[in-house]
Amino acid sequence: MNAPAPGASSTRQRLTAARRLGAKRRIVPPLQVVVTLGAAALFGLAYLLSDEFRAEVGAIAAILGRGDAEGLRHYILSYGLWAPVASLALMVVQALVAPVPSSLVSFANGLAFGVGWGWALSVAGHTLAAGVCFWLMRALGRGPIEAVVGRGWLESADRWFARWGTAAILITRLVPGVAFDAVSFAAGLTGIRFDRFLAATAIGVAPQTLLYAYLGHAAVQFIWIPLAITGLVVGGCALAAWWKRTRH
């Protein structure tokens, strides 16, 4: 009888643990449901009842939707001393609401704060946004997500994270074009530790955000290049997934 391949046993153990954790998380703690729904309700009420809040959301959505890095720079700097906080908040909004690349906010940070501070803010913003996405999924639990995407998708995520662990987060953060927020959401539904997830995210996004901050500050005319690369990678992945599905 052949001996198991090195590392196979530990991978099976991690996968078994992930499945057990997933089974537990199908039952969502009531407090998590209340907090998540309460936050969504507060946002909805603020949007419905406050003209200023609605105008602010509309302004952010319009700038992000246009991909206007210069307009985003002016918007961030309009907050004066609170501009760094506005930058961090925009990164979270981008992750949760706006379907635009996070690199756009990194470009704007380079424009607004220079290469050094723009890079630091971008790393912090990416890490904060990833943490929010992660804990949002932890709060919702696997049950509601499984009802939407199916158990097969979640089991595939379990297998992938069980096999590669923290390295999976680091690699996806290093590769341009990989869906940043989707990885954060998926990780929140697995057994990966939050501190390791954050550390891998911060380390992984550092090279890209440095490039984006530099381009935003010193070579804004070339901003379209990484955006085009992101679009090509995302389009290629979507095409590959469609081709694989049609074959089956």
Protein backbone atom coordinates (compact mmCIF):
# COMPACT_ATOMS: atom_id res chain seq x y z
CA MET A 1 0.00 0.00 0.00
CA ASN A 2 1.43 3.38 -1.01
CA ALA A 3 2.24 5.86 1.72
CA PRO A 4 0.34 9.16 1.60
CA ALA A 5 2.12 12.02 -0.14
CA PRO A 6 3.94 14.48 2.15
CA GLY A 7 1.53 17.14 3.31
CA ALA A 8 -1.53 15.25 2.10
CA SER A 9 -2.51 14.25 5.62
CA SER A 10 -2.28 17.79 6.96
CA THR A 11 -4.27 19.08 4.00
CA ARG A 12 -7.03 16.53 4.68
CA GLN A 13 -7.04 17.51 8.33
CA ARG A 14 -7.39 21.20 7.47
CA LEU A 15 -10.17 20.42 4.99
CA THR A 16 -12.02 18.33 7.58
CA ALA A 17 -11.68 21.14 10.12
CA ALA A 18 -12.92 23.66 7.56
CA ARG A 19 -15.99 21.53 6.83
CA ARG A 20 -16.77 21.19 10.52
CA LEU A 21 -16.37 24.93 10.97
CA GLY A 22 -18.60 25.50 7.96
CA ALA A 23 -21.29 23.27 9.41
CA LYS A 24 -21.22 25.26 12.64
CA ARG A 25 -21.42 28.56 10.76
CA ARG A 26 -24.59 27.56 8.95
CA ILE A 27 -26.27 28.48 12.25
CA VAL A 28 -25.89 32.25 12.48
CA PRO A 29 -25.66 33.67 16.02
CA PRO A 30 -28.62 36.02 16.67
CA LEU A 31 -26.36 38.87 17.84
CA GLN A 32 -24.46 38.82 14.55
CA VAL A 33 -27.71 38.95 12.60
CA VAL A 34 -28.97 41.88 14.69
CA VAL A 35 -25.72 43.85 14.30
CA THR A 36 -25.51 43.25 10.55
CA LEU A 37 -29.17 44.07 9.87
CA GLY A 38 -28.99 47.05 12.25
CA ALA A 39 -26.05 48.54 10.37
CA ALA A 40 -27.84 48.05 7.04
CA ALA A 41 -31.01 49.62 8.47
CA LEU A 42 -29.11 52.65 9.79
CA PHE A 43 -27.52 53.20 6.39
CA GLY A 44 -30.88 52.88 4.66
CA LEU A 45 -32.58 55.31 7.04
CA ALA A 46 -29.77 57.84 6.70
CA TYR A 47 -30.02 57.60 2.92
CA LEU A 48 -33.80 58.03 2.92
CA LEU A 49 -34.08 60.76 5.56
CA SER A 50 -30.97 62.89 5.05
CA ASP A 51 -30.60 64.94 1.88
CA GLU A 52 -26.95 65.66 2.74
CA PHE A 53 -26.11 62.00 3.23
CA ARG A 54 -27.89 61.08 -0.01
CA ALA A 55 -26.01 63.79 -1.90
CA GLU A 56 -22.71 62.60 -0.42
CA VAL A 57 -23.36 59.01 -1.48
CA GLY A 58 -24.36 60.20 -4.93
CA ALA A 59 -21.20 62.27 -5.32
CA ILE A 60 -18.97 59.36 -4.30
CA ALA A 61 -20.80 56.94 -6.61
CA ALA A 62 -20.52 59.34 -9.55
CA ILE A 63 -16.77 59.87 -9.10
CA LEU A 64 -16.05 56.18 -8.64
CA GLY A 65 -18.31 55.26 -11.53
CA ARG A 66 -16.45 57.62 -13.89
CA GLY A 67 -13.06 56.29 -12.77
CA ASP A 68 -12.03 59.91 -12.17
CA ALA A 69 -8.81 59.81 -10.13
CA GLU A 70 -8.37 63.60 -10.26
CA GLY A 71 -11.96 64.16 -9.11
CA LEU A 72 -11.40 61.63 -6.34
CA ARG A 73 -8.29 63.52 -5.26
CA HIS A 74 -10.25 66.78 -4.95
CA TYR A 75 -13.01 64.99 -3.06
CA ILE A 76 -10.58 63.49 -0.55
CA LEU A 77 -8.70 66.76 0.02
CA SER A 78 -11.99 68.62 0.53
CA TYR A 79 -12.11 67.04 4.00
CA GLY A 80 -9.01 68.93 5.11
CA LEU A 81 -7.44 67.35 8.18
CA TRP A 82 -9.90 64.47 7.88
CA ALA A 83 -8.71 63.65 4.35
CA PRO A 84 -6.84 60.45 5.41
CA VAL A 85 -10.00 59.21 7.14
CA ALA A 86 -12.00 60.00 3.99
CA SER A 87 -9.51 57.96 1.96
CA LEU A 88 -9.89 54.96 4.26
CA ALA A 89 -13.68 55.25 4.17
CA LEU A 90 -13.66 55.39 0.37
CA MET A 91 -11.67 52.18 0.21
CA VAL A 92 -14.30 50.44 2.36
CA VAL A 93 -17.16 51.91 0.29
CA GLN A 94 -15.45 50.73 -2.87
CA ALA A 95 -15.18 47.22 -1.46
CA LEU A 96 -18.79 46.96 -0.32
CA VAL A 97 -20.75 49.02 -2.81
CA ALA A 98 -18.99 50.29 -5.92
CA PRO A 99 -17.94 47.76 -8.59
CA VAL A 100 -14.72 49.62 -9.48
CA PRO A 101 -11.06 48.65 -8.98
CA SER A 102 -9.56 49.57 -5.62
CA SER A 103 -6.51 50.77 -7.54
CA LEU A 104 -8.47 53.92 -8.42
CA VAL A 105 -8.42 55.02 -4.76
CA SER A 106 -4.69 54.19 -4.61
CA PHE A 107 -4.07 56.43 -7.61
CA ALA A 108 -6.02 59.22 -5.94
CA ASN A 109 -3.99 58.75 -2.75
CA GLY A 110 -0.79 59.20 -4.72
CA LEU A 111 -2.20 62.36 -6.27
CA ALA A 112 -3.41 63.73 -2.96
CA PHE A 113 -0.68 62.73 -0.49
CA GLY A 114 2.42 61.92 -2.54
CA VAL A 115 4.10 58.57 -3.02
CA GLY A 116 5.07 57.76 0.59
CA TRP A 117 1.93 58.77 2.46
CA GLY A 118 -0.27 57.76 -0.46
CA TRP A 119 1.24 54.29 -0.40
CA ALA A 120 0.87 53.94 3.38
CA LEU A 121 -2.77 55.03 3.23
CA SER A 122 -3.49 52.66 0.37
CA VAL A 123 -2.01 49.67 2.22
CA ALA A 124 -3.99 50.62 5.33
CA GLY A 125 -7.18 51.18 3.29
CA HIS A 126 -6.91 47.86 1.46
CA THR A 127 -6.28 46.03 4.72
CA LEU A 128 -9.20 47.77 6.45
CA ALA A 129 -11.57 47.05 3.54
CA ALA A 130 -10.47 43.42 3.44
CA GLY A 131 -11.10 43.10 7.18
CA VAL A 132 -14.60 44.57 6.85
CA CYS A 133 -15.47 42.17 4.01
CA PHE A 134 -14.05 39.26 6.01
CA TRP A 135 -16.06 40.01 9.14
CA LEU A 136 -19.21 40.77 7.21
CA MET A 137 -19.16 37.21 5.90
CA ARG A 138 -18.31 35.87 9.36
CA ALA A 139 -21.33 37.77 10.70
CA LEU A 140 -23.70 36.49 8.03
CA GLY A 141 -22.49 32.90 8.28
CA ARG A 142 -22.48 30.28 5.56
CA GLY A 143 -26.21 29.59 5.55
CA PRO A 144 -27.43 32.68 3.66
CA ILE A 145 -24.44 32.61 1.28
CA GLU A 146 -24.88 28.91 0.57
CA ALA A 147 -28.50 29.59 -0.35
CA VAL A 148 -27.32 32.10 -2.97
CA VAL A 149 -24.17 30.54 -4.47
CA GLY A 150 -24.68 26.87 -3.61
CA ARG A 151 -22.79 24.44 -1.39
CA GLY A 152 -20.43 23.42 -4.20
CA TRP A 153 -18.92 26.91 -4.43
CA LEU A 154 -18.29 27.05 -0.70
CA GLU A 155 -16.77 23.57 -0.64
CA SER A 156 -14.43 24.59 -3.47
CA ALA A 157 -13.35 27.61 -1.42
CA ASP A 158 -12.83 25.35 1.60
CA ARG A 159 -10.59 23.00 -0.41
CA TRP A 160 -8.58 25.86 -1.88
CA PHE A 161 -7.93 27.59 1.44
CA ALA A 162 -7.32 24.27 3.20
CA ARG A 163 -4.66 23.37 0.66
CA TRP A 164 -2.86 26.69 0.41
CA GLY A 165 -3.69 28.40 3.71
CA THR A 166 -2.32 31.90 4.21
CA ALA A 167 -0.25 31.57 1.03
CA ALA A 168 -3.51 31.65 -0.94
CA ILE A 169 -4.24 35.14 0.39
CA LEU A 170 -0.70 36.37 -0.21
CA ILE A 171 -0.57 35.11 -3.80
CA THR A 172 -3.95 36.55 -4.78
CA ARG A 173 -2.96 39.91 -3.32
CA LEU A 174 0.27 39.95 -5.32
CA VAL A 175 -1.35 39.19 -8.69
CA PRO A 176 -2.92 42.23 -10.44
CA GLY A 177 -6.48 41.77 -11.59
CA VAL A 178 -7.50 39.09 -9.10
CA ALA A 179 -10.83 40.04 -7.53
CA PHE A 180 -9.63 41.55 -4.24
CA ASP A 181 -12.99 41.81 -2.52
CA ALA A 182 -14.21 38.38 -3.67
CA VAL A 183 -11.18 36.77 -2.01
CA SER A 184 -11.89 38.68 1.21
CA PHE A 185 -15.54 37.61 1.22
CA ALA A 186 -14.62 33.98 0.51
CA ALA A 187 -11.95 33.91 3.23
CA GLY A 188 -14.49 35.06 5.81
CA LEU A 189 -16.49 31.89 5.17
CA THR A 190 -13.55 29.58 5.84
CA GLY A 191 -11.51 28.68 8.89
CA ILE A 192 -8.53 30.92 8.12
CA ARG A 193 -7.37 33.00 11.09
CA PHE A 194 -8.18 36.70 10.94
CA ASP A 195 -4.71 37.90 12.03
CA ARG A 196 -2.99 35.81 9.35
CA PHE A 197 -5.50 36.96 6.77
CA LEU A 198 -4.77 40.62 7.58
CA ALA A 199 -1.00 40.12 7.61
CA ALA A 200 -1.02 38.34 4.23
CA THR A 201 -3.27 41.06 2.81
CA ALA A 202 -1.05 43.93 4.00
CA ILE A 203 2.13 42.28 2.71
CA GLY A 204 0.54 41.21 -0.57
CA VAL A 205 -0.92 44.59 -1.52
CA ALA A 206 2.23 46.57 -0.68
CA PRO A 207 4.00 46.20 -4.07
CA GLN A 208 0.93 47.03 -6.16
CA THR A 209 -0.13 50.00 -4.07
CA LEU A 210 3.39 51.44 -4.21
CA LEU A 211 3.23 51.32 -8.01
CA TYR A 212 -0.25 52.87 -8.06
CA ALA A 213 0.73 55.64 -5.65
CA TYR A 214 3.78 56.44 -7.77
CA LEU A 215 1.77 56.51 -10.99
CA GLY A 216 -0.88 58.69 -9.38
CA HIS A 217 1.74 61.15 -8.14
CA ALA A 218 4.33 61.23 -10.90
CA ALA A 219 2.98 59.59 -14.04
CA VAL A 220 -0.79 59.98 -14.01
CA GLN A 221 -0.91 59.63 -17.81
CA PHE A 222 -0.04 55.95 -17.43
CA ILE A 223 -2.79 55.12 -14.94
CA TRP A 224 -4.72 53.36 -17.68
CA ILE A 225 -2.08 50.60 -17.99
CA PRO A 226 -2.71 48.76 -14.69
CA LEU A 227 -6.44 49.36 -15.08
CA ALA A 228 -6.28 47.74 -18.52
CA ILE A 229 -4.30 44.81 -17.09
CA THR A 230 -6.92 44.36 -14.39
CA GLY A 231 -9.68 44.38 -17.00
CA LEU A 232 -7.86 41.82 -19.15
CA VAL A 233 -7.24 39.48 -16.22
CA VAL A 234 -10.84 39.70 -15.00
CA GLY A 235 -12.17 39.25 -18.54
CA GLY A 236 -9.85 36.30 -19.14
CA CYS A 237 -10.97 34.60 -15.93
CA ALA A 238 -14.63 35.15 -16.81
CA LEU A 239 -14.06 33.76 -20.31
CA ALA A 240 -12.24 30.71 -18.93
CA ALA A 241 -15.05 30.05 -16.44
CA TRP A 242 -17.67 30.35 -19.23
CA TRP A 243 -15.70 28.01 -21.51
CA LYS A 244 -15.30 25.43 -18.74
CA ARG A 245 -19.01 25.59 -17.95
CA THR A 246 -20.06 25.16 -21.60
CA ARG A 247 -17.85 22.07 -21.91
CA HIS A 248 -19.70 20.43 -19.03
